Amino acid sequence: MPSFETSPPPAPLERIPPQSVINAVYSPSSPPGGPASSGAPRRSLGAIAAVVRQIDRKHGAFFISRLILMTGINLRTYDAATPDDPHAVAKLARALRSLVPATELDGLLQLLPIQR
């Protein structure tokens, strides 16, 4: 006769961060200043997210959607801890120059790590 006893449910799988994040956080060989002290250009954190947050407050979600269409980058995936991709920053700056009035453009561009 078959047994109808149930086995305990499997333990939930823990979310494992990508290997690149593990290496960046736990690598003992990286200097305390991170990659910036090795002579490589330092990537800023959260500048794209700050611009998106400010534009969302002032102009709304539709404006962000227009920026996403113009840049081809899902800008809503960036948060305060996300490193800013230099190509994404350049595309965002170009789109901002064509959509945002000059009076507020300077304030937004100051948030981005770009060469003016």
C-alpha atoms as a PDB file:
ATOM      1  CA  MET A   1       0.000   0.000   0.000  1.00  0.00           C
ATOM      2  CA  PRO A   2       1.376   3.456  -0.877  1.00  0.00           C
ATOM      3  CA  SER A   3       2.391   5.813   1.849  1.00  0.00           C
ATOM      4  CA  PHE A   4       0.584   9.139   1.948  1.00  0.00           C
ATOM      5  CA  GLU A   5       3.029  10.816   4.245  1.00  0.00           C
ATOM      6  CA  THR A   6       4.275  14.070   2.878  1.00  0.00           C
ATOM      7  CA  SER A   7       7.861  15.097   2.977  1.00  0.00           C
ATOM      8  CA  PRO A   8       8.741  18.472   4.453  1.00  0.00           C
ATOM      9  CA  PRO A   9       8.612  21.313   1.933  1.00  0.00           C
ATOM     10  CA  PRO A  10      11.934  22.154   0.346  1.00  0.00           C
ATOM     11  CA  ALA A  11      13.806  25.075   1.832  1.00  0.00           C
ATOM     12  CA  PRO A  12      13.388  28.258  -0.213  1.00  0.00           C
ATOM     13  CA  LEU A  13      16.310  29.036  -2.418  1.00  0.00           C
ATOM     14  CA  GLU A  14      18.259  32.049  -1.326  1.00  0.00           C
ATOM     15  CA  ARG A  15      18.896  34.713  -3.898  1.00  0.00           C
ATOM     16  CA  ILE A  16      22.553  34.648  -4.783  1.00  0.00           C
ATOM     17  CA  PRO A  17      24.072  37.901  -6.060  1.00  0.00           C
ATOM     18  CA  PRO A  18      25.998  37.818  -9.355  1.00  0.00           C
ATOM     19  CA  GLN A  19      29.646  36.838  -9.114  1.00  0.00           C
ATOM     20  CA  SER A  20      30.777  40.315 -10.177  1.00  0.00           C
ATOM     21  CA  VAL A  21      29.035  41.836  -7.151  1.00  0.00           C
ATOM     22  CA  ILE A  22      30.549  39.254  -4.848  1.00  0.00           C
ATOM     23  CA  ASN A  23      34.029  39.939  -6.221  1.00  0.00           C
ATOM     24  CA  ALA A  24      33.620  43.714  -5.973  1.00  0.00           C
ATOM     25  CA  VAL A  25      32.381  43.567  -2.388  1.00  0.00           C
ATOM     26  CA  TYR A  26      34.475  40.777  -0.944  1.00  0.00           C
ATOM     27  CA  SER A  27      37.675  40.961  -2.938  1.00  0.00           C
ATOM     28  CA  PRO A  28      40.573  41.353  -0.510  1.00  0.00           C
ATOM     29  CA  SER A  29      42.889  42.419  -3.344  1.00  0.00           C
ATOM     30  CA  SER A  30      40.919  45.559  -4.160  1.00  0.00           C
ATOM     31  CA  PRO A  31      42.301  48.696  -2.538  1.00  0.00           C
ATOM     32  CA  PRO A  32      40.239  50.459   0.119  1.00  0.00           C
ATOM     33  CA  GLY A  33      39.387  53.259  -2.284  1.00  0.00           C
ATOM     34  CA  GLY A  34      37.993  50.770  -4.787  1.00  0.00           C
ATOM     35  CA  PRO A  35      38.756  50.867  -8.492  1.00  0.00           C
ATOM     36  CA  ALA A  36      39.099  54.656  -8.460  1.00  0.00           C
ATOM     37  CA  SER A  37      42.453  54.515  -6.707  1.00  0.00           C
ATOM     38  CA  SER A  38      43.864  52.237  -9.408  1.00  0.00           C
ATOM     39  CA  GLY A  39      43.863  55.059 -11.960  1.00  0.00           C
ATOM     40  CA  ALA A  40      40.639  53.975 -13.673  1.00  0.00           C
ATOM     41  CA  PRO A  41      37.973  56.652 -14.009  1.00  0.00           C
ATOM     42  CA  ARG A  42      35.594  56.520 -11.079  1.00  0.00           C
ATOM     43  CA  ARG A  43      31.979  55.639 -11.856  1.00  0.00           C
ATOM     44  CA  SER A  44      29.470  57.618  -9.900  1.00  0.00           C
ATOM     45  CA  LEU A  45      26.600  56.006  -8.043  1.00  0.00           C
ATOM     46  CA  GLY A  46      22.982  57.017  -8.312  1.00  0.00           C
ATOM     47  CA  ALA A  47      23.279  60.124 -10.503  1.00  0.00           C
ATOM     48  CA  ILE A  48      20.887  58.737 -13.116  1.00  0.00           C
ATOM     49  CA  ALA A  49      18.452  57.759 -10.371  1.00  0.00           C
ATOM     50  CA  ALA A  50      18.639  61.255  -8.872  1.00  0.00           C
ATOM     51  CA  VAL A  51      17.872  62.880 -12.234  1.00  0.00           C
ATOM     52  CA  VAL A  52      14.992  60.480 -12.904  1.00  0.00           C
ATOM     53  CA  ARG A  53      13.575  61.094  -9.428  1.00  0.00           C
ATOM     54  CA  GLN A  54      13.754  64.875  -9.857  1.00  0.00           C
ATOM     55  CA  ILE A  55      12.186  64.799 -13.329  1.00  0.00           C
ATOM     56  CA  ASP A  56       9.472  62.417 -12.151  1.00  0.00           C
ATOM     57  CA  ARG A  57       8.535  64.844  -9.367  1.00  0.00           C
ATOM     58  CA  LYS A  58       8.429  67.865 -11.658  1.00  0.00           C
ATOM     59  CA  HIS A  59       7.187  66.477 -14.987  1.00  0.00           C
ATOM     60  CA  GLY A  60       5.663  63.078 -14.193  1.00  0.00           C
ATOM     61  CA  ALA A  61       5.880  59.503 -15.407  1.00  0.00           C
ATOM     62  CA  PHE A  62       5.023  60.276 -19.022  1.00  0.00           C
ATOM     63  CA  PHE A  63       8.108  62.457 -19.316  1.00  0.00           C
ATOM     64  CA  ILE A  64      10.270  59.613 -17.980  1.00  0.00           C
ATOM     65  CA  SER A  65       8.697  57.314 -20.568  1.00  0.00           C
ATOM     66  CA  ARG A  66       9.689  59.769 -23.291  1.00  0.00           C
ATOM     67  CA  LEU A  67      13.268  59.772 -21.990  1.00  0.00           C
ATOM     68  CA  ILE A  68      13.287  55.966 -21.969  1.00  0.00           C
ATOM     69  CA  LEU A  69      12.130  55.915 -25.596  1.00  0.00           C
ATOM     70  CA  MET A  70      14.710  58.509 -26.641  1.00  0.00           C
ATOM     71  CA  THR A  71      17.641  56.845 -24.878  1.00  0.00           C
ATOM     72  CA  GLY A  72      16.703  53.201 -25.345  1.00  0.00           C
ATOM     73  CA  ILE A  73      17.597  52.632 -21.682  1.00  0.00           C
ATOM     74  CA  ASN A  74      15.186  51.598 -18.949  1.00  0.00           C
ATOM     75  CA  LEU A  75      15.976  54.490 -16.627  1.00  0.00           C
ATOM     76  CA  ARG A  76      13.682  53.199 -13.896  1.00  0.00           C
ATOM     77  CA  THR A  77      16.039  50.278 -13.183  1.00  0.00           C
ATOM     78  CA  TYR A  78      18.657  52.650 -11.774  1.00  0.00           C
ATOM     79  CA  ASP A  79      18.625  53.290  -8.050  1.00  0.00           C
ATOM     80  CA  ALA A  80      20.884  55.138  -5.613  1.00  0.00           C
ATOM     81  CA  ALA A  81      23.302  52.201  -5.384  1.00  0.00           C
ATOM     82  CA  THR A  82      23.553  51.513  -9.127  1.00  0.00           C
ATOM     83  CA  PRO A  83      26.815  52.550 -10.819  1.00  0.00           C
ATOM     84  CA  ASP A  84      26.126  55.021 -13.609  1.00  0.00           C
ATOM     85  CA  ASP A  85      27.080  53.680 -17.020  1.00  0.00           C
ATOM     86  CA  PRO A  86      28.975  56.421 -18.923  1.00  0.00           C
ATOM     87  CA  HIS A  87      27.139  55.583 -22.167  1.00  0.00           C
ATOM     88  CA  ALA A  88      23.772  55.803 -20.419  1.00  0.00           C
ATOM     89  CA  VAL A  89      24.772  59.130 -18.864  1.00  0.00           C
ATOM     90  CA  ALA A  90      25.763  60.521 -22.283  1.00  0.00           C
ATOM     91  CA  LYS A  91      22.496  59.361 -23.880  1.00  0.00           C
ATOM     92  CA  LEU A  92      20.465  60.789 -21.007  1.00  0.00           C
ATOM     93  CA  ALA A  93      22.269  64.142 -21.234  1.00  0.00           C
ATOM     94  CA  ARG A  94      21.549  64.347 -24.992  1.00  0.00           C
ATOM     95  CA  ALA A  95      17.874  63.559 -24.436  1.00  0.00           C
ATOM     96  CA  LEU A  96      17.616  66.070 -21.599  1.00  0.00           C
ATOM     97  CA  ARG A  97      19.113  68.812 -23.773  1.00  0.00           C
ATOM     98  CA  SER A  98      16.363  68.299 -26.326  1.00  0.00           C
ATOM     99  CA  LEU A  99      13.408  67.983 -23.915  1.00  0.00           C
ATOM    100  CA  VAL A 100      14.088  70.037 -20.796  1.00  0.00           C
ATOM    101  CA  PRO A 101      13.812  73.836 -20.732  1.00  0.00           C
ATOM    102  CA  ALA A 102      17.135  75.656 -20.399  1.00  0.00           C
ATOM    103  CA  THR A 103      16.129  77.101 -17.032  1.00  0.00           C
ATOM    104  CA  GLU A 104      16.197  73.696 -15.343  1.00  0.00           C
ATOM    105  CA  LEU A 105      18.683  71.930 -17.633  1.00  0.00           C
ATOM    106  CA  ASP A 106      21.761  73.216 -15.792  1.00  0.00           C
ATOM    107  CA  GLY A 107      20.516  71.881 -12.467  1.00  0.00           C
ATOM    108  CA  LEU A 108      19.919  68.425 -13.938  1.00  0.00           C
ATOM    109  CA  LEU A 109      23.232  68.272 -15.802  1.00  0.00           C
ATOM    110  CA  GLN A 110      25.084  69.167 -12.598  1.00  0.00           C
ATOM    111  CA  LEU A 111      23.778  65.930 -11.086  1.00  0.00           C
ATOM    112  CA  LEU A 112      25.298  63.866 -13.924  1.00  0.00           C
ATOM    113  CA  PRO A 113      28.998  62.957 -14.020  1.00  0.00           C
ATOM    114  CA  ILE A 114      29.680  64.329 -17.530  1.00  0.00           C
ATOM    115  CA  GLN A 115      32.358  66.526 -19.024  1.00  0.00           C
ATOM    116  CA  ARG A 116      30.702  69.821 -19.877  1.00  0.00           C
END
